[in-house]
Amino acid sequence: MAQATVNQTRIQIRTSKTLKDQATEVFADMGIDLTAAINMFLSQAVKEGGMPFKPMALTPSKKPCARQKTAASSMRETRMRRKG
């Protein structure tokens, strides 16, 4: 048995088939499978000592945050430069 498999364990989760299929497709486009993606998530969570992303509400606020305002302003400036 290869050393890489000696210390492995199995994790079982429940999720919707639709979500699993969509995630599988996204990761396939990146050249990795779902198992690799989940292992990457877990490794990053350990490295950062928490969630490797900022959890947000399912329905974001209608009020744009500063980052969204900056992005929108930057897009407008880029369009103006292309026209001008």
N, C-alpha and C. Protein backbone atom coordinates (compact mmCIF):
# COMPACT_ATOMS: atom_id res chain seq x y z
N MET A 1 0.84 -1.18 0.00
CA MET A 1 0.00 0.00 0.00
C MET A 1 0.89 1.24 0.00
N ALA A 2 0.56 2.20 -0.81
CA ALA A 2 1.35 3.43 -0.91
C ALA A 2 1.21 4.24 0.37
N GLN A 3 2.27 4.94 0.73
CA GLN A 3 2.29 5.77 1.94
C GLN A 3 1.16 6.80 1.94
N ALA A 4 0.81 7.34 0.77
CA ALA A 4 -0.20 8.39 0.67
C ALA A 4 -1.57 7.90 1.14
N THR A 5 -1.85 6.61 1.02
CA THR A 5 -3.18 6.13 1.39
C THR A 5 -3.24 5.58 2.81
N VAL A 6 -2.10 5.38 3.46
CA VAL A 6 -2.07 4.79 4.79
C VAL A 6 -2.82 5.64 5.81
N ASN A 7 -2.65 6.94 5.79
CA ASN A 7 -3.25 7.82 6.80
C ASN A 7 -4.53 8.48 6.33
N GLN A 8 -5.15 7.98 5.31
CA GLN A 8 -6.37 8.61 4.81
C GLN A 8 -7.60 8.09 5.55
N THR A 9 -8.61 8.92 5.59
CA THR A 9 -9.89 8.55 6.19
C THR A 9 -11.00 8.99 5.26
N ARG A 10 -12.19 8.49 5.49
CA ARG A 10 -13.33 8.81 4.65
C ARG A 10 -14.22 9.82 5.38
N ILE A 11 -14.72 10.79 4.62
CA ILE A 11 -15.68 11.77 5.13
C ILE A 11 -16.94 11.62 4.29
N GLN A 12 -18.08 11.55 4.95
CA GLN A 12 -19.34 11.49 4.22
C GLN A 12 -20.14 12.75 4.53
N ILE A 13 -20.69 13.37 3.49
CA ILE A 13 -21.52 14.55 3.67
C ILE A 13 -22.82 14.37 2.90
N ARG A 14 -23.81 15.10 3.27
CA ARG A 14 -25.06 15.11 2.52
C ARG A 14 -25.21 16.48 1.86
N THR A 15 -25.54 16.47 0.59
CA THR A 15 -25.78 17.69 -0.15
C THR A 15 -26.75 17.36 -1.27
N SER A 16 -27.26 18.37 -1.93
CA SER A 16 -28.20 18.10 -3.03
C SER A 16 -27.43 17.59 -4.25
N LYS A 17 -28.08 16.77 -5.03
CA LYS A 17 -27.48 16.25 -6.25
C LYS A 17 -27.13 17.40 -7.19
N THR A 18 -28.00 18.39 -7.27
CA THR A 18 -27.75 19.53 -8.15
C THR A 18 -26.47 20.25 -7.75
N LEU A 19 -26.31 20.54 -6.45
CA LEU A 19 -25.12 21.23 -5.99
C LEU A 19 -23.87 20.40 -6.27
N LYS A 20 -23.94 19.11 -5.99
CA LYS A 20 -22.78 18.23 -6.24
C LYS A 20 -22.42 18.23 -7.71
N ASP A 21 -23.43 18.10 -8.58
CA ASP A 21 -23.17 18.08 -10.02
C ASP A 21 -22.58 19.40 -10.51
N GLN A 22 -23.12 20.52 -10.01
CA GLN A 22 -22.61 21.82 -10.41
C GLN A 22 -21.16 22.01 -9.95
N ALA A 23 -20.88 21.64 -8.70
CA ALA A 23 -19.52 21.78 -8.16
C ALA A 23 -18.56 20.86 -8.91
N THR A 24 -18.99 19.65 -9.21
CA THR A 24 -18.15 18.71 -9.96
C THR A 24 -17.77 19.29 -11.31
N GLU A 25 -18.73 19.94 -11.96
CA GLU A 25 -18.48 20.55 -13.27
C GLU A 25 -17.49 21.72 -13.14
N VAL A 26 -17.68 22.55 -12.13
CA VAL A 26 -16.78 23.69 -11.92
C VAL A 26 -15.35 23.19 -11.71
N PHE A 27 -15.19 22.19 -10.84
CA PHE A 27 -13.85 21.69 -10.54
C PHE A 27 -13.25 20.94 -11.72
N ALA A 28 -14.08 20.25 -12.48
CA ALA A 28 -13.57 19.57 -13.69
C ALA A 28 -13.00 20.59 -14.66
N ASP A 29 -13.66 21.75 -14.77
CA ASP A 29 -13.15 22.82 -15.63
C ASP A 29 -11.80 23.33 -15.13
N MET A 30 -11.54 23.16 -13.84
CA MET A 30 -10.26 23.58 -13.25
C MET A 30 -9.23 22.46 -13.31
N GLY A 31 -9.66 21.28 -13.75
CA GLY A 31 -8.73 20.16 -13.86
C GLY A 31 -8.57 19.34 -12.59
N ILE A 32 -9.52 19.49 -11.65
CA ILE A 32 -9.45 18.70 -10.41
C ILE A 32 -10.79 18.03 -10.17
N ASP A 33 -10.77 17.00 -9.35
CA ASP A 33 -12.03 16.34 -9.01
C ASP A 33 -12.57 16.89 -7.69
N LEU A 34 -13.77 16.45 -7.33
CA LEU A 34 -14.43 16.95 -6.13
C LEU A 34 -13.63 16.61 -4.87
N THR A 35 -13.05 15.43 -4.83
CA THR A 35 -12.24 15.04 -3.67
C THR A 35 -11.05 15.98 -3.50
N ALA A 36 -10.35 16.27 -4.59
CA ALA A 36 -9.20 17.18 -4.51
C ALA A 36 -9.65 18.56 -4.05
N ALA A 37 -10.79 19.03 -4.56
CA ALA A 37 -11.29 20.35 -4.18
C ALA A 37 -11.62 20.41 -2.69
N ILE A 38 -12.26 19.37 -2.18
CA ILE A 38 -12.61 19.34 -0.76
C ILE A 38 -11.35 19.27 0.09
N ASN A 39 -10.35 18.49 -0.34
CA ASN A 39 -9.08 18.43 0.39
C ASN A 39 -8.38 19.78 0.37
N MET A 40 -8.46 20.50 -0.74
CA MET A 40 -7.87 21.83 -0.81
C MET A 40 -8.58 22.77 0.17
N PHE A 41 -9.91 22.69 0.22
CA PHE A 41 -10.69 23.50 1.16
C PHE A 41 -10.26 23.21 2.60
N LEU A 42 -10.18 21.93 2.96
CA LEU A 42 -9.81 21.56 4.32
C LEU A 42 -8.40 22.03 4.66
N SER A 43 -7.46 21.85 3.74
CA SER A 43 -6.08 22.29 3.97
C SER A 43 -6.00 23.80 4.18
N GLN A 44 -6.73 24.54 3.37
CA GLN A 44 -6.71 26.00 3.49
C GLN A 44 -7.37 26.44 4.80
N ALA A 45 -8.43 25.76 5.21
CA ALA A 45 -9.09 26.09 6.48
C ALA A 45 -8.12 25.89 7.65
N VAL A 46 -7.37 24.80 7.61
CA VAL A 46 -6.38 24.55 8.67
C VAL A 46 -5.30 25.62 8.63
N LYS A 47 -4.81 25.93 7.44
CA LYS A 47 -3.74 26.94 7.29
C LYS A 47 -4.18 28.29 7.82
N GLU A 48 -5.43 28.68 7.54
CA GLU A 48 -5.93 30.00 7.94
C GLU A 48 -6.54 30.00 9.33
N GLY A 49 -6.75 28.82 9.90
CA GLY A 49 -7.35 28.74 11.22
C GLY A 49 -8.83 29.10 11.22
N GLY A 50 -9.50 28.86 10.12
CA GLY A 50 -10.93 29.16 10.01
C GLY A 50 -11.39 28.96 8.58
N MET A 51 -12.53 29.52 8.29
CA MET A 51 -13.07 29.40 6.93
C MET A 51 -12.14 30.09 5.95
N PRO A 52 -11.86 29.45 4.80
CA PRO A 52 -10.95 30.06 3.83
C PRO A 52 -11.62 31.10 2.93
N PHE A 53 -12.78 31.54 3.34
CA PHE A 53 -13.49 32.60 2.63
C PHE A 53 -14.41 33.27 3.63
N LYS A 54 -14.91 34.43 3.28
CA LYS A 54 -15.81 35.16 4.17
C LYS A 54 -17.24 34.70 3.91
N PRO A 55 -17.84 33.98 4.86
CA PRO A 55 -19.24 33.56 4.67
C PRO A 55 -20.15 34.78 4.55
N MET A 56 -21.13 34.69 3.66
CA MET A 56 -22.05 35.79 3.44
C MET A 56 -23.48 35.26 3.47
N ALA A 57 -24.41 36.16 3.63
CA ALA A 57 -25.82 35.80 3.62
C ALA A 57 -26.19 35.25 2.25
N LEU A 58 -27.18 34.37 2.22
CA LEU A 58 -27.63 33.82 0.94
C LEU A 58 -28.20 34.89 0.04
N THR A 59 -28.87 35.87 0.63
CA THR A 59 -29.41 36.98 -0.15
C THR A 59 -28.66 38.24 0.26
N PRO A 60 -27.65 38.62 -0.53
CA PRO A 60 -26.85 39.79 -0.15
C PRO A 60 -27.69 41.05 -0.06
N SER A 61 -27.21 41.96 0.74
CA SER A 61 -27.87 43.24 0.91
C SER A 61 -27.98 43.96 -0.43
N LYS A 62 -29.04 44.69 -0.60
CA LYS A 62 -29.23 45.47 -1.83
C LYS A 62 -28.27 46.66 -1.87
N LYS A 63 -27.76 47.04 -0.71
CA LYS A 63 -26.86 48.18 -0.61
C LYS A 63 -25.45 47.73 -1.00
N PRO A 64 -24.83 48.35 -2.01
CA PRO A 64 -23.50 47.91 -2.43
C PRO A 64 -22.43 48.23 -1.38
N CYS A 65 -21.49 47.31 -1.23
CA CYS A 65 -20.39 47.54 -0.29
C CYS A 65 -19.33 48.39 -0.99
N ALA A 66 -18.35 48.83 -0.25
CA ALA A 66 -17.30 49.70 -0.79
C ALA A 66 -16.57 49.02 -1.94
N ARG A 67 -16.31 47.73 -1.83
CA ARG A 67 -15.60 47.01 -2.89
C ARG A 67 -16.42 46.99 -4.18
N GLN A 68 -17.74 46.81 -4.06
CA GLN A 68 -18.61 46.83 -5.24
C GLN A 68 -18.63 48.22 -5.86
N LYS A 69 -18.67 49.25 -5.03
CA LYS A 69 -18.66 50.62 -5.55
C LYS A 69 -17.36 50.90 -6.30
N THR A 70 -16.24 50.46 -5.73
CA THR A 70 -14.94 50.67 -6.37
C THR A 70 -14.88 49.93 -7.69
N ALA A 71 -15.36 48.69 -7.72
CA ALA A 71 -15.35 47.90 -8.95
C ALA A 71 -16.22 48.55 -10.02
N ALA A 72 -17.39 49.02 -9.64
CA ALA A 72 -18.29 49.67 -10.59
C ALA A 72 -17.66 50.94 -11.14
N SER A 73 -17.03 51.72 -10.27
CA SER A 73 -16.37 52.95 -10.70
C SER A 73 -15.23 52.65 -11.66
N SER A 74 -14.46 51.61 -11.35
CA SER A 74 -13.34 51.21 -12.21
C SER A 74 -13.84 50.76 -13.58
N MET A 75 -14.95 50.03 -13.61
CA MET A 75 -15.52 49.57 -14.88
C MET A 75 -15.99 50.77 -15.71
N ARG A 76 -16.60 51.75 -15.06
CA ARG A 76 -17.05 52.95 -15.77
C ARG A 76 -15.87 53.70 -16.36
N GLU A 77 -14.80 53.84 -15.57
CA GLU A 77 -13.61 54.54 -16.05
C GLU A 77 -12.99 53.82 -17.24
N THR A 78 -12.96 52.49 -17.19
CA THR A 78 -12.40 51.71 -18.30
C THR A 78 -13.22 51.90 -19.56
N ARG A 79 -14.55 51.90 -19.41
CA ARG A 79 -15.43 52.12 -20.58
C ARG A 79 -15.23 53.51 -21.17
N MET A 80 -15.08 54.50 -20.29
CA MET A 80 -14.88 55.87 -20.77
C MET A 80 -13.56 56.00 -21.54
N ARG A 81 -12.51 55.36 -21.04
CA ARG A 81 -11.21 55.41 -21.73
C ARG A 81 -11.28 54.72 -23.08
N ARG A 82 -12.03 53.65 -23.19
CA ARG A 82 -12.17 52.95 -24.47
C ARG A 82 -12.93 53.78 -25.49
N LYS A 83 -13.92 54.52 -25.00
CA LYS A 83 -14.73 55.37 -25.91
C LYS A 83 -13.94 56.59 -26.34
N GLY A 84 -13.13 57.09 -25.45
CA GLY A 84 -12.54 58.39 -25.65
C GLY A 84 -11.25 58.48 -26.33
